């Protein structure tokens, strides 16, 4: 017989992470910063990559990410 699961609710937020190294590092930075104040992070979706350019060189990579997490239930 299947085990009944309590319904859960997830929330999605959008953040922009940055890094001088690359887009992957920028996305990691966004997740690490979010984890400082958000519990139960379950996934990240890379929405868009952009970069800041100065003197014809990329000086900052930016990753726009959507982070999903399970909302805590009040008891």
N, C-alpha and C. Protein backbone atom coordinates (compact mmCIF):
# COMPACT_ATOMS: atom_id res chain seq x y z
N UNK A 1 0.84 -1.18 0.00
CA UNK A 1 0.00 0.00 0.00
C UNK A 1 0.89 1.25 0.00
N UNK A 2 0.61 2.25 -0.85
CA UNK A 2 1.44 3.46 -0.90
C UNK A 2 1.36 4.25 0.41
N UNK A 3 2.46 4.89 0.74
CA UNK A 3 2.51 5.72 1.93
C UNK A 3 2.00 7.12 1.56
N UNK A 4 1.08 7.64 2.37
CA UNK A 4 0.54 8.98 2.12
C UNK A 4 1.59 10.02 2.49
N UNK A 5 1.78 10.98 1.61
CA UNK A 5 2.73 12.06 1.87
C UNK A 5 1.96 13.33 2.14
N UNK A 6 2.49 14.10 3.08
CA UNK A 6 1.87 15.39 3.34
C UNK A 6 2.17 16.33 2.17
N UNK A 7 1.21 17.13 1.78
CA UNK A 7 1.48 18.06 0.68
C UNK A 7 2.54 19.08 1.10
N UNK A 8 3.35 19.50 0.14
CA UNK A 8 4.35 20.52 0.43
C UNK A 8 4.21 21.64 -0.59
N UNK A 9 4.77 22.78 -0.24
CA UNK A 9 4.72 23.95 -1.11
C UNK A 9 6.15 24.40 -1.36
N UNK A 10 6.46 24.70 -2.59
CA UNK A 10 7.78 25.21 -2.94
C UNK A 10 7.67 26.66 -3.38
N UNK A 11 8.72 27.40 -3.14
CA UNK A 11 8.79 28.79 -3.56
C UNK A 11 9.98 28.94 -4.49
N UNK A 12 9.90 29.84 -5.45
CA UNK A 12 10.97 30.09 -6.40
C UNK A 12 11.34 31.57 -6.32
N UNK A 13 12.64 31.82 -6.17
CA UNK A 13 13.12 33.21 -6.19
C UNK A 13 14.14 33.35 -7.31
N UNK A 14 14.31 34.56 -7.78
CA UNK A 14 15.27 34.83 -8.85
C UNK A 14 16.39 35.70 -8.30
N UNK A 15 17.62 35.30 -8.56
CA UNK A 15 18.80 36.02 -8.07
C UNK A 15 19.81 36.20 -9.20
N UNK A 16 20.70 37.16 -9.02
CA UNK A 16 21.82 37.35 -9.94
C UNK A 16 23.10 37.16 -9.15
N UNK A 17 23.88 36.15 -9.53
CA UNK A 17 25.18 35.92 -8.92
C UNK A 17 26.25 36.48 -9.84
N UNK A 18 27.39 36.85 -9.26
CA UNK A 18 28.47 37.38 -10.09
C UNK A 18 29.80 36.76 -9.69
N UNK A 19 30.76 36.81 -10.62
CA UNK A 19 32.08 36.26 -10.39
C UNK A 19 33.04 36.80 -11.45
N UNK A 20 34.31 37.00 -11.08
CA UNK A 20 35.30 37.36 -12.08
C UNK A 20 35.80 36.14 -12.85
N UNK A 21 35.44 34.92 -12.41
CA UNK A 21 35.97 33.68 -12.99
C UNK A 21 35.13 33.12 -14.14
N UNK A 22 33.79 33.12 -14.00
CA UNK A 22 32.96 32.54 -15.04
C UNK A 22 31.51 32.42 -14.61
N UNK A 23 30.66 31.98 -15.57
CA UNK A 23 29.23 31.89 -15.29
C UNK A 23 28.89 30.79 -14.29
N UNK A 24 29.59 29.67 -14.37
CA UNK A 24 29.34 28.59 -13.42
C UNK A 24 29.64 29.05 -11.99
N UNK A 25 30.74 29.74 -11.82
CA UNK A 25 31.09 30.26 -10.50
C UNK A 25 30.08 31.30 -10.03
N UNK A 26 29.59 32.11 -10.95
CA UNK A 26 28.57 33.11 -10.61
C UNK A 26 27.30 32.44 -10.11
N UNK A 27 26.89 31.34 -10.76
CA UNK A 27 25.69 30.61 -10.32
C UNK A 27 25.92 29.99 -8.95
N UNK A 28 27.11 29.41 -8.74
CA UNK A 28 27.44 28.83 -7.43
C UNK A 28 27.39 29.89 -6.34
N UNK A 29 27.90 31.07 -6.64
CA UNK A 29 27.88 32.16 -5.66
C UNK A 29 26.46 32.55 -5.29
N UNK A 30 25.57 32.58 -6.26
CA UNK A 30 24.17 32.91 -5.98
C UNK A 30 23.54 31.88 -5.04
N UNK A 31 23.80 30.60 -5.29
CA UNK A 31 23.26 29.54 -4.43
C UNK A 31 23.86 29.62 -3.03
N UNK A 32 25.17 29.84 -2.94
CA UNK A 32 25.82 29.93 -1.62
C UNK A 32 25.28 31.09 -0.80
N UNK A 33 25.07 32.22 -1.44
CA UNK A 33 24.53 33.38 -0.72
C UNK A 33 23.08 33.12 -0.28
N UNK A 34 22.29 32.52 -1.16
CA UNK A 34 20.89 32.22 -0.81
C UNK A 34 20.84 31.26 0.37
N UNK A 35 21.76 30.30 0.41
CA UNK A 35 21.77 29.29 1.48
C UNK A 35 22.06 29.89 2.85
N UNK A 36 22.57 31.10 2.90
CA UNK A 36 22.83 31.75 4.19
C UNK A 36 21.54 32.11 4.92
N UNK A 37 20.46 32.33 4.16
CA UNK A 37 19.19 32.74 4.78
C UNK A 37 18.00 31.87 4.40
N UNK A 38 18.20 30.94 3.48
CA UNK A 38 17.09 30.08 3.02
C UNK A 38 17.43 28.63 3.31
N UNK A 39 16.46 27.92 3.90
CA UNK A 39 16.62 26.49 4.16
C UNK A 39 15.90 25.70 3.08
N UNK A 40 16.23 24.43 2.98
CA UNK A 40 15.53 23.48 2.11
C UNK A 40 15.63 23.81 0.62
N UNK A 41 16.78 24.33 0.17
CA UNK A 41 16.97 24.57 -1.27
C UNK A 41 16.98 23.22 -1.97
N UNK A 42 16.17 23.09 -3.02
CA UNK A 42 16.03 21.81 -3.72
C UNK A 42 16.53 21.85 -5.15
N UNK A 43 16.64 23.04 -5.74
CA UNK A 43 17.08 23.09 -7.13
C UNK A 43 17.45 24.49 -7.57
N UNK A 44 18.18 24.54 -8.67
CA UNK A 44 18.55 25.82 -9.27
C UNK A 44 18.40 25.68 -10.78
N UNK A 45 17.86 26.71 -11.40
CA UNK A 45 17.65 26.76 -12.85
C UNK A 45 18.44 27.95 -13.37
N UNK A 46 19.36 27.72 -14.29
CA UNK A 46 20.14 28.79 -14.89
C UNK A 46 19.31 29.42 -15.99
N UNK A 47 18.86 30.64 -15.74
CA UNK A 47 17.94 31.32 -16.65
C UNK A 47 18.69 32.09 -17.75
N UNK A 48 19.75 32.79 -17.36
CA UNK A 48 20.42 33.66 -18.32
C UNK A 48 21.85 33.95 -17.85
N UNK A 49 22.74 34.14 -18.81
CA UNK A 49 24.12 34.51 -18.51
C UNK A 49 24.42 35.84 -19.20
N UNK A 50 25.02 36.75 -18.44
CA UNK A 50 25.43 38.03 -19.00
C UNK A 50 26.83 38.34 -18.49
N UNK A 51 27.42 39.41 -18.98
CA UNK A 51 28.75 39.79 -18.52
C UNK A 51 28.93 41.30 -18.60
N UNK A 52 29.78 41.81 -17.73
CA UNK A 52 30.16 43.22 -17.75
C UNK A 52 31.49 43.31 -18.50
N UNK A 53 31.58 44.25 -19.43
CA UNK A 53 32.77 44.40 -20.26
C UNK A 53 33.39 45.78 -20.03
N UNK A 54 34.71 45.78 -19.86
CA UNK A 54 35.47 47.03 -19.77
C UNK A 54 36.72 46.90 -20.63
N UNK A 55 37.00 47.90 -21.43
CA UNK A 55 38.18 47.89 -22.31
C UNK A 55 38.24 46.62 -23.17
N UNK A 56 37.07 46.24 -23.70
CA UNK A 56 36.94 45.09 -24.60
C UNK A 56 37.26 43.74 -23.93
N UNK A 57 37.20 43.69 -22.61
CA UNK A 57 37.44 42.44 -21.88
C UNK A 57 36.31 42.20 -20.88
N UNK A 58 35.95 40.94 -20.72
CA UNK A 58 34.95 40.59 -19.69
C UNK A 58 35.61 40.73 -18.33
N UNK A 59 35.00 41.53 -17.48
CA UNK A 59 35.55 41.75 -16.14
C UNK A 59 34.66 41.15 -15.05
N UNK A 60 33.41 40.83 -15.41
CA UNK A 60 32.51 40.22 -14.43
C UNK A 60 31.47 39.37 -15.16
N UNK A 61 31.35 38.13 -14.73
CA UNK A 61 30.34 37.22 -15.27
C UNK A 61 29.14 37.27 -14.35
N UNK A 62 27.94 37.25 -14.93
CA UNK A 62 26.71 37.29 -14.14
C UNK A 62 25.78 36.18 -14.58
N UNK A 63 25.27 35.44 -13.61
CA UNK A 63 24.31 34.37 -13.88
C UNK A 63 23.00 34.69 -13.19
N UNK A 64 21.94 34.72 -13.97
CA UNK A 64 20.60 34.90 -13.42
C UNK A 64 20.04 33.50 -13.19
N UNK A 65 19.70 33.21 -11.93
CA UNK A 65 19.24 31.88 -11.57
C UNK A 65 17.90 31.95 -10.85
N UNK A 66 17.15 30.86 -10.97
CA UNK A 66 15.92 30.68 -10.19
C UNK A 66 16.21 29.56 -9.20
N UNK A 67 16.02 29.84 -7.93
CA UNK A 67 16.29 28.88 -6.87
C UNK A 67 14.96 28.46 -6.26
N UNK A 68 14.76 27.15 -6.16
CA UNK A 68 13.51 26.64 -5.57
C UNK A 68 13.82 26.02 -4.21
N UNK A 69 12.89 26.21 -3.28
CA UNK A 69 13.04 25.65 -1.95
C UNK A 69 11.68 25.33 -1.37
N UNK A 70 11.66 24.37 -0.46
CA UNK A 70 10.41 23.94 0.17
C UNK A 70 10.11 24.90 1.32
N UNK A 71 8.87 25.34 1.37
CA UNK A 71 8.42 26.27 2.41
C UNK A 71 8.18 25.49 3.70
N UNK A 72 8.74 25.99 4.81
CA UNK A 72 8.53 25.34 6.09
C UNK A 72 7.06 25.46 6.50
N UNK A 73 6.59 24.41 7.14
CA UNK A 73 5.21 24.44 7.65
C UNK A 73 5.23 24.95 9.08
N UNK A 74 4.27 25.78 9.39
CA UNK A 74 4.14 26.26 10.77
C UNK A 74 3.44 25.19 11.59
N UNK A 75 3.94 25.01 12.79
CA UNK A 75 3.34 23.98 13.66
C UNK A 75 2.51 24.63 14.73
